[in-house]
Protein backbone atom coordinates (compact mmCIF):
# COMPACT_ATOMS: atom_id res chain seq x y z
CA UNK A 1 0.01 0.00 -0.02
CA UNK A 2 1.21 3.49 -0.81
CA UNK A 3 1.84 6.14 1.83
CA UNK A 4 -0.31 9.25 1.64
CA UNK A 5 1.02 12.78 2.03
CA UNK A 6 -1.59 15.19 3.42
CA UNK A 7 -0.52 18.82 2.71
CA UNK A 8 -2.06 21.89 4.26
CA UNK A 9 -1.00 25.20 2.78
CA UNK A 10 -1.72 28.24 4.97
CA UNK A 11 -1.13 31.93 4.35
CA UNK A 12 -1.16 33.67 7.76
CA UNK A 13 -1.43 37.44 8.39
CA UNK A 14 1.68 39.22 9.63
CA UNK A 15 0.02 40.45 12.81
CA UNK A 16 -0.60 36.94 14.16
CA UNK A 17 2.26 35.13 12.45
CA UNK A 18 4.46 34.65 15.54
CA UNK A 19 1.57 33.43 17.70
CA UNK A 20 0.37 31.13 14.91
CA UNK A 21 3.74 29.53 14.38
CA UNK A 22 4.23 28.97 18.10
CA UNK A 23 0.69 27.51 18.47
CA UNK A 24 1.20 25.24 15.48
CA UNK A 25 4.43 23.84 16.86
CA UNK A 26 3.29 23.47 20.51
CA UNK A 27 -0.38 22.65 20.20
CA UNK A 28 -1.94 21.96 16.80
CA UNK A 29 0.64 19.75 15.13
CA UNK A 30 1.17 17.67 18.31
CA UNK A 31 -2.59 17.21 18.63
CA UNK A 32 -2.74 15.94 15.04
CA UNK A 33 0.17 13.59 15.60
CA UNK A 34 -1.41 12.33 18.88
CA UNK A 35 -4.32 10.93 16.77
CA UNK A 36 -1.96 8.16 15.72
CA UNK A 37 -3.02 8.53 12.10
CA UNK A 38 0.31 9.99 10.89
CA UNK A 39 3.85 8.71 11.12
CA UNK A 40 5.68 11.96 10.55
CA UNK A 41 5.25 15.64 9.83
CA UNK A 42 7.07 18.63 8.44
CA UNK A 43 6.43 22.34 8.42
CA UNK A 44 8.07 24.54 5.77
CA UNK A 45 7.84 28.19 4.78
CA UNK A 46 7.39 28.89 1.08
CA UNK A 47 10.05 31.02 -0.49
CA UNK A 48 9.78 33.34 -3.46
CA UNK A 49 6.10 34.21 -2.82
CA UNK A 50 4.45 37.58 -2.40
CA UNK A 51 4.57 38.16 1.35
CA UNK A 52 2.91 41.59 1.39
CA UNK A 53 -0.28 40.18 3.02
CA UNK A 54 1.18 37.31 5.02
CA UNK A 55 3.59 34.39 5.14
CA UNK A 56 2.83 31.08 3.45
CA UNK A 57 3.53 27.69 5.02
CA UNK A 58 3.18 24.07 4.00
CA UNK A 59 2.41 21.60 6.75
CA UNK A 60 2.80 18.02 5.60
CA UNK A 61 1.65 14.88 7.39
CA UNK A 62 2.57 11.37 6.23
CA UNK A 63 -0.04 8.67 6.68
CA UNK A 64 0.84 4.98 6.25
CA UNK A 65 -2.06 4.37 3.86
CA UNK A 66 -5.37 5.78 2.48
CA UNK A 67 -7.45 3.86 4.95
CA UNK A 68 -5.68 5.49 7.93
CA UNK A 69 -5.93 8.97 6.30
CA UNK A 70 -9.70 8.45 5.72
CA UNK A 71 -10.08 7.43 9.36
CA UNK A 72 -8.36 10.68 10.40
CA UNK A 73 -10.77 12.64 8.21
CA UNK A 74 -13.81 10.83 9.71
CA UNK A 75 -12.87 10.94 13.38
CA UNK A 76 -10.50 13.88 13.96
CA UNK A 77 -10.23 16.42 11.10
CA UNK A 78 -13.33 18.46 11.75
CA UNK A 79 -12.58 19.42 15.36
CA UNK A 80 -8.90 20.06 14.73
CA UNK A 81 -9.68 22.29 11.75
CA UNK A 82 -12.42 24.05 13.80
CA UNK A 83 -9.82 24.82 16.52
CA UNK A 84 -7.61 26.51 13.90
CA UNK A 85 -10.53 28.37 12.36
CA UNK A 86 -11.83 29.64 15.67
CA UNK A 87 -8.41 30.87 16.86
CA UNK A 88 -7.35 32.58 13.60
CA UNK A 89 -10.67 33.48 11.94
CA UNK A 90 -10.21 36.10 9.25
CA UNK A 91 -6.40 35.96 9.61
CA UNK A 92 -5.59 33.11 7.21
CA UNK A 93 -6.45 31.28 4.06
CA UNK A 94 -5.77 27.58 3.65
CA UNK A 95 -6.19 24.83 1.17
CA UNK A 96 -5.48 21.11 1.41
CA UNK A 97 -3.98 18.65 -1.07
CA UNK A 98 -3.61 14.87 -0.93
CA UNK A 99 -0.78 13.06 -2.64
CA UNK A 100 0.25 9.49 -3.13
CA UNK A 101 3.91 8.86 -2.32
CA UNK A 102 5.61 6.96 -5.10
């Protein structure tokens, strides 16, 4: 079975950037990893992008297979995404992509 890479790209406003990055590292990413649905993660800042209205990050989570990823979506994703939305409402844009690791 192929591993699945779940990517969340977030553009976060300058005025909450420091708080967001600290919260992601200390609270949000650990909470996602504690679900047991992912085997590793990585957070990266995009370079060469227009940063006039915020910084852009890619947060990637590696799932062992599609079944495990789908279980994460069914049981955990909504509440974890809601926590992020509630905390940073109006201060970010995000989109998610799913990739099969070859």
